[in-house]
Protein backbone atom coordinates (compact mmCIF):
# COMPACT_ATOMS: atom_id res chain seq x y z
CA MET A 1 77.38 -82.65 39.66
CA SER A 2 76.02 -80.07 37.25
CA ARG A 3 72.56 -80.24 35.70
CA PHE A 4 74.17 -81.67 32.54
CA VAL A 5 75.84 -84.31 34.68
CA PHE A 6 72.63 -84.93 36.55
CA SER A 7 70.51 -85.38 33.41
CA MET A 8 73.10 -87.89 32.25
CA MET A 9 73.09 -89.80 35.52
CA MET A 10 69.32 -89.85 35.84
CA LEU A 11 69.03 -91.44 32.42
CA ILE A 12 71.80 -93.85 33.27
CA CYS A 13 69.91 -94.96 36.38
CA VAL A 14 66.79 -95.99 34.45
CA SER A 15 66.24 -99.73 34.72
CA LEU A 16 65.99 -101.30 31.28
CA THR A 17 65.55 -104.86 30.05
CA PRO A 18 68.94 -106.34 29.09
CA LEU A 19 69.50 -106.33 25.35
CA SER A 20 70.20 -110.06 25.37
CA LEU A 21 66.67 -110.68 26.66
CA ARG A 22 65.20 -108.76 23.73
CA GLY A 23 67.04 -110.79 21.14
CA GLU A 24 69.58 -108.07 20.41
CA PRO A 25 73.04 -109.16 19.28
CA GLN A 26 75.74 -109.27 21.94
CA LYS A 27 78.26 -106.47 21.81
CA SER A 28 81.90 -107.26 21.09
CA GLN A 29 85.29 -105.68 20.46
CA ALA A 30 84.91 -106.40 16.73
CA GLY A 31 81.53 -104.67 16.64
CA PHE A 32 82.96 -101.80 18.66
CA GLU A 33 85.79 -101.31 16.17
CA GLN A 34 83.29 -101.20 13.32
CA TYR A 35 81.24 -98.65 15.24
CA ILE A 36 84.31 -96.47 15.75
CA LYS A 37 85.06 -96.57 12.02
CA SER A 38 81.55 -95.30 11.31
CA PHE A 39 81.79 -92.67 14.04
CA LYS A 40 85.09 -91.38 12.67
CA GLN A 41 83.50 -90.93 9.25
CA GLU A 42 80.74 -88.90 10.85
CA ALA A 43 83.29 -86.85 12.76
CA LEU A 44 85.24 -86.17 9.55
CA SER A 45 82.06 -84.75 8.03
CA LYS A 46 81.83 -82.41 11.03
CA GLY A 47 85.31 -81.03 10.37
CA TYR A 48 87.49 -83.10 12.70
CA ASP A 49 90.96 -83.85 11.37
CA ALA A 50 91.67 -87.45 10.34
CA GLY A 51 95.03 -87.51 12.10
CA PHE A 52 93.47 -86.20 15.28
CA LEU A 53 90.73 -88.85 15.15
CA ASP A 54 93.28 -91.61 14.60
CA SER A 55 95.22 -90.38 17.61
CA VAL A 56 92.13 -90.09 19.84
CA PHE A 57 90.88 -93.59 19.08
CA THR A 58 94.20 -95.40 19.02
CA GLY A 59 93.95 -97.94 21.81
CA ALA A 60 90.22 -97.33 22.40
CA THR A 61 88.57 -100.57 23.50
CA PHE A 62 85.13 -101.91 24.22
CA ARG A 63 84.80 -101.73 28.01
CA GLN A 64 82.44 -104.50 29.07
CA ARG A 65 82.90 -103.40 32.71
CA VAL A 66 81.35 -100.03 31.79
CA VAL A 67 78.25 -101.72 30.39
CA LYS A 68 78.08 -104.00 33.43
CA ALA A 69 78.36 -101.02 35.79
CA ASP A 70 75.57 -99.26 33.92
CA LYS A 71 73.22 -102.24 34.06
CA ASN A 72 73.93 -103.29 37.64
CA GLN A 73 73.68 -100.12 39.67
CA PRO A 74 72.46 -100.69 43.25
CA GLU A 75 68.87 -99.79 44.04
CA ARG A 76 69.02 -100.15 47.83
CA LYS A 77 66.82 -97.85 49.88
CA ILE A 78 68.62 -95.47 52.24
CA THR A 79 67.48 -92.68 54.52
CA LEU A 80 68.87 -89.17 54.75
CA ASP A 81 70.40 -90.01 58.12
CA THR A 82 72.22 -92.97 56.57
CA TYR A 83 73.28 -90.87 53.60
CA LEU A 84 74.70 -88.08 55.77
CA ALA A 85 76.54 -90.55 57.98
CA THR A 86 78.19 -91.96 54.85
CA ARG A 87 78.75 -88.69 52.99
CA VAL A 88 79.72 -86.41 55.88
CA PRO A 89 81.43 -88.52 58.56
CA ASP A 90 83.62 -86.80 61.12
CA TRP A 91 86.81 -87.81 59.31
CA LYS A 92 85.63 -86.03 56.17
CA VAL A 93 84.80 -82.90 58.16
CA LYS A 94 88.33 -82.95 59.57
CA GLN A 95 89.80 -83.32 56.07
CA ALA A 96 87.60 -80.47 54.85
CA LEU A 97 88.86 -78.21 57.64
CA ASP A 98 92.49 -79.17 57.06
CA LEU A 99 92.22 -78.59 53.30
CA PHE A 100 90.31 -75.35 53.79
CA ALA A 101 93.21 -74.10 55.94
CA LYS A 102 95.81 -75.38 53.47
CA HIS A 103 94.21 -73.63 50.48
CA ARG A 104 92.74 -70.66 52.35
CA ALA A 105 94.44 -67.92 50.32
CA LEU A 106 93.51 -69.49 46.98
CA LEU A 107 89.97 -70.24 48.12
CA GLU A 108 89.48 -66.65 49.26
CA ASP A 109 90.71 -65.38 45.89
CA VAL A 110 88.28 -67.64 44.05
CA ALA A 111 85.43 -66.81 46.43
CA GLN A 112 85.94 -63.09 45.85
CA ALA A 113 86.25 -63.46 42.08
CA PHE A 114 83.01 -65.44 41.71
CA GLY A 115 80.91 -64.38 44.69
CA VAL A 116 80.69 -67.88 46.12
CA GLN A 117 81.59 -68.66 49.72
CA ALA A 118 84.71 -70.81 50.01
CA ARG A 119 83.07 -73.27 52.37
CA PHE A 120 80.57 -74.30 49.68
CA ILE A 121 83.36 -74.80 47.13
CA VAL A 122 85.11 -77.13 49.56
CA ALA A 123 81.85 -78.92 50.44
CA LEU A 124 81.10 -79.65 46.78
CA TRP A 125 84.70 -80.73 46.21
CA GLY A 126 84.45 -83.15 49.11
CA ASN A 127 81.09 -84.58 48.10
CA GLU A 128 81.97 -85.05 44.45
CA SER A 129 85.44 -86.60 44.59
CA ASN A 130 86.46 -86.83 48.26
CA PHE A 131 88.74 -83.82 47.70
CA GLY A 132 90.21 -85.26 44.51
CA LYS A 133 90.93 -88.73 45.85
CA ILE A 134 88.18 -90.51 43.88
CA MET A 135 88.02 -89.31 40.28
CA GLY A 136 87.66 -92.62 38.44
CA LYS A 137 90.26 -94.56 36.49
CA TYR A 138 88.37 -95.35 33.30
CA PRO A 139 89.70 -93.94 29.98
CA VAL A 140 87.08 -91.33 29.10
CA ILE A 141 87.13 -91.91 25.34
CA SER A 142 86.73 -95.69 25.67
CA SER A 143 83.98 -95.32 28.29
CA LEU A 144 81.91 -92.88 26.27
CA ALA A 145 82.45 -94.71 23.00
CA THR A 146 81.44 -97.96 24.71
CA MET A 147 78.21 -96.44 26.00
CA ALA A 148 77.43 -94.91 22.60
CA TYR A 149 78.05 -98.26 20.89
CA GLU A 150 76.01 -100.12 23.52
CA GLY A 151 73.12 -98.20 22.05
CA ARG A 152 70.42 -97.52 24.60
CA ARG A 153 71.34 -93.83 24.88
CA GLU A 154 73.54 -93.51 21.81
CA GLU A 155 72.86 -89.88 20.91
CA MET A 156 73.37 -88.72 24.48
CA PHE A 157 76.74 -90.45 24.78
CA LYS A 158 77.80 -89.39 21.29
CA LYS A 159 77.25 -85.78 22.38
CA GLN A 160 79.51 -86.41 25.36
CA LEU A 161 82.07 -88.14 23.15
CA TYR A 162 82.28 -85.15 20.82
CA ALA A 163 82.68 -82.87 23.83
CA ALA A 164 85.46 -85.12 25.17
CA MET A 165 87.22 -84.91 21.80
CA ASP A 166 86.99 -81.11 21.96
CA ILE A 167 88.59 -81.14 25.42
CA LEU A 168 91.53 -83.08 23.99
CA ARG A 169 91.67 -80.92 20.86
CA GLN A 170 91.83 -77.78 23.01
CA GLY A 171 94.77 -79.24 24.92
CA HIS A 172 93.38 -79.15 28.46
CA ILE A 173 94.60 -82.66 29.33
CA ASN A 174 96.89 -85.30 27.83
CA GLN A 175 95.07 -88.36 26.59
CA ASP A 176 96.97 -90.73 28.89
CA GLU A 177 95.68 -88.69 31.84
CA PHE A 178 92.15 -88.33 30.42
CA LEU A 179 90.43 -90.55 32.97
CA GLY A 180 87.08 -90.46 34.73
CA SER A 181 84.21 -92.49 36.11
CA TRP A 182 82.69 -95.38 34.17
CA ALA A 183 80.01 -92.98 32.87
CA GLY A 184 82.49 -90.28 31.83
CA ALA A 185 82.35 -87.85 34.79
CA MET A 186 85.79 -86.29 35.10
CA GLY A 187 88.20 -84.65 37.45
CA GLN A 188 87.92 -83.38 40.99
CA SER A 189 84.62 -81.67 40.16
CA GLN A 190 83.26 -84.73 38.31
CA PHE A 191 82.02 -82.76 35.30
CA MET A 192 80.68 -84.59 32.27
CA PRO A 193 82.44 -83.38 29.09
CA THR A 194 79.60 -81.03 28.08
CA SER A 195 79.63 -79.54 31.58
CA PHE A 196 83.38 -79.09 31.34
CA LEU A 197 83.02 -77.09 28.13
CA HIS A 198 80.36 -74.90 29.73
CA TYR A 199 81.73 -74.34 33.24
CA ALA A 200 85.42 -75.30 33.55
CA TYR A 201 87.61 -72.27 34.24
CA ASP A 202 91.31 -71.49 33.76
CA PHE A 203 91.88 -69.50 36.95
CA ASP A 204 95.67 -69.32 36.85
CA GLY A 205 95.77 -68.33 33.18
CA ASP A 206 98.08 -71.10 31.99
CA GLY A 207 95.89 -71.89 28.98
CA LYS A 208 94.48 -75.12 30.43
CA LYS A 209 91.30 -75.82 32.36
CA ASP A 210 92.80 -78.56 34.50
CA ILE A 211 90.15 -79.98 36.82
CA TRP A 212 92.26 -83.10 37.39
CA ASN A 213 95.44 -81.70 38.94
CA ASN A 214 95.21 -77.93 39.44
CA PRO A 215 93.43 -76.76 42.63
CA ALA A 216 93.01 -73.23 41.23
CA ASP A 217 91.07 -74.54 38.24
CA VAL A 218 89.14 -77.06 40.34
CA PHE A 219 87.91 -74.42 42.78
CA ALA A 220 87.19 -71.85 40.08
CA SER A 221 85.29 -74.36 37.95
CA ILE A 222 83.04 -75.28 40.88
CA ALA A 223 82.52 -71.60 41.68
CA ASN A 224 81.88 -70.75 38.04
CA PHE A 225 79.10 -73.31 37.87
CA LEU A 226 77.44 -71.91 40.99
CA LYS A 227 77.80 -68.29 39.87
CA THR A 228 76.50 -69.07 36.37
CA GLU A 229 73.48 -70.85 37.81
CA GLY A 230 72.52 -68.00 40.13
CA TRP A 231 74.39 -68.42 43.43
CA SER A 232 74.46 -65.48 45.85
CA ASP A 233 77.08 -65.11 48.56
CA LYS A 234 74.68 -62.85 50.43
CA GLY A 235 72.78 -65.90 51.69
CA THR A 236 73.22 -69.51 52.72
CA TRP A 237 71.54 -72.79 51.72
CA GLY A 238 68.91 -73.55 54.40
CA ARG A 239 68.24 -74.77 57.93
CA GLN A 240 66.65 -77.73 59.66
CA VAL A 241 63.23 -76.88 61.14
CA LYS A 242 60.30 -78.27 63.10
CA LEU A 243 56.60 -78.23 62.25
CA HIS A 244 53.66 -77.69 64.57
CA ASP A 245 51.06 -80.44 64.81
CA GLY A 246 48.52 -80.22 62.02
CA PHE A 247 50.88 -78.59 59.52
CA ASP A 248 49.66 -78.90 55.92
CA ILE A 249 52.38 -81.04 54.34
CA SER A 250 51.03 -80.30 50.86
CA LEU A 251 52.89 -76.97 51.18
CA ALA A 252 56.24 -78.81 50.98
CA GLY A 253 58.19 -79.13 47.76
CA LEU A 254 60.84 -77.50 45.57
CA ASP A 255 58.35 -76.00 43.13
CA LYS A 256 59.27 -72.31 43.29
CA ALA A 257 55.58 -71.43 43.30
CA LYS A 258 55.50 -72.91 46.82
CA MET A 259 58.23 -70.61 48.17
CA ARG A 260 57.16 -68.32 51.02
CA THR A 261 58.84 -65.74 53.21
CA LEU A 262 60.16 -66.85 56.59
CA ASP A 263 57.47 -64.77 58.25
CA GLU A 264 54.80 -66.64 56.26
CA TRP A 265 56.32 -70.00 57.20
CA GLN A 266 56.39 -68.91 60.83
CA GLY A 267 52.69 -68.12 60.64
CA LEU A 268 52.00 -71.54 59.17
CA GLY A 269 53.66 -73.31 62.10
CA VAL A 270 57.33 -73.65 61.15
CA THR A 271 60.03 -72.94 63.74
CA LYS A 272 63.76 -73.37 64.09
CA TYR A 273 64.77 -76.90 65.02
CA ASP A 274 65.10 -75.84 68.68
CA GLY A 275 61.53 -74.51 68.64
CA SER A 276 62.43 -70.80 68.58
CA ALA A 277 61.20 -68.29 66.02
CA LEU A 278 62.61 -68.14 62.51
CA PRO A 279 64.94 -65.21 61.69
CA ASN A 280 63.18 -61.92 61.07
CA VAL A 281 64.55 -61.38 57.56
CA ASN A 282 62.78 -60.92 54.25
CA VAL A 283 63.92 -64.15 52.60
CA LYS A 284 61.87 -66.68 50.66
CA ALA A 285 62.31 -70.40 51.26
CA SER A 286 61.01 -73.79 50.18
CA LEU A 287 60.06 -76.46 52.69
CA ILE A 288 61.46 -79.92 51.90
CA MET A 289 60.92 -83.32 53.49
CA PRO A 290 63.46 -85.68 51.89
CA ASP A 291 62.19 -88.64 53.97
CA GLY A 292 58.63 -87.47 54.49
CA GLU A 293 57.12 -85.75 57.50
CA LYS A 294 58.69 -88.23 59.94
CA GLY A 295 62.24 -87.47 58.76
CA ARG A 296 64.43 -84.39 58.75
CA ILE A 297 62.67 -81.26 57.49
CA TYR A 298 64.36 -78.17 56.07
CA LEU A 299 63.63 -74.67 54.89
CA VAL A 300 65.91 -74.12 51.90
CA TYR A 301 66.72 -70.91 50.05
CA ASP A 302 67.52 -69.91 46.48
CA ASN A 303 71.09 -71.21 46.79
CA PHE A 304 69.72 -74.69 47.47
CA HIS A 305 67.79 -74.47 44.21
CA THR A 306 71.12 -73.68 42.54
CA LEU A 307 72.61 -76.82 44.11
CA MET A 308 69.72 -78.75 42.59
CA GLY A 309 71.05 -77.65 39.21
CA TRP A 310 74.28 -79.46 40.06
CA ASN A 311 72.55 -82.63 41.26
CA ARG A 312 68.78 -83.06 41.54
CA SER A 313 69.07 -85.23 44.64
CA SER A 314 67.85 -83.38 47.73
CA TYR A 315 70.03 -85.79 49.74
CA PHE A 316 73.08 -84.51 47.85
CA GLY A 317 72.09 -80.88 48.34
CA VAL A 318 71.55 -81.34 52.07
CA ALA A 319 74.91 -83.16 52.37
CA VAL A 320 76.70 -80.25 50.69
CA GLY A 321 74.92 -77.75 52.92
CA TYR A 322 75.58 -79.80 56.06
CA LEU A 323 79.31 -80.11 55.30
CA SER A 324 79.51 -76.39 54.54
CA ASP A 325 77.89 -75.61 57.91
CA ARG A 326 80.38 -77.80 59.74
CA ILE A 327 83.25 -76.09 57.93
CA LYS A 328 81.83 -72.74 59.06
CA LYS A 329 81.57 -73.96 62.66
CA GLY A 330 85.08 -75.42 62.51
CA ARG A 331 83.98 -78.84 63.77
């Protein structure tokens, strides 16, 4: 997920008191239809065509399941080990390797064009949508309009709704195929509409940025995000490490002011996971402890910081890196 997607999802995850408990009126299809009428008037003032608006909102409905999904997200505590076992099981590694081989020529073309290693493109693809198998089946317009009408983050979802309308107006997808997650994340890369407008890429030159059905556009859109946000194919993402007894854990963290060279980390008591010396290369890294000093510990490089722009979860970033490493190893 891009930083736009992430900022959306972080706000979505905030626990709020249900509107009904604050004396707010219950939402309904009738109220939704009135809201859409008002929204369309606003959109007309912004230059959108009346016929286009009528077409976009024909059949749009208040999706109570979207509101329910927003308000009832699980808050269970998991560890990185649990997360990796769920996100990168052996069967997913096998699928990643099979699909990497299937699309090798295309992936190599995209990798060369954007300067992003193919294995990371595949790893993000797998972590976001299980290689296109889980993209969501909610109508994007209805979902975003529902969340705007629901009201807690109206301006944020209205911004996404306008972006979704622009995607349709530009002809990238037919409305009957314009589906996504309950929160509006779309396609095999799971971009929010604003992210789509910023990063989606028409790699095959057919005039459409099709992140739903076209592998060329899916791979190029993922690569375009990474390239735009500073990815370098001259390096990797990070490595698991060990700490000597007495290590100062206050040195850990993703604040770039805490980055040090590998030689400096070595001098502070950091080694490879097998206890051997760190590589003798002039590279800066951050030390992260996703589960604290008793859990897995990593040195992560600039490319990991770029992954944090996609999704601020260090668990997610490690899962992408771990899957990419297994693709590289071929097992």
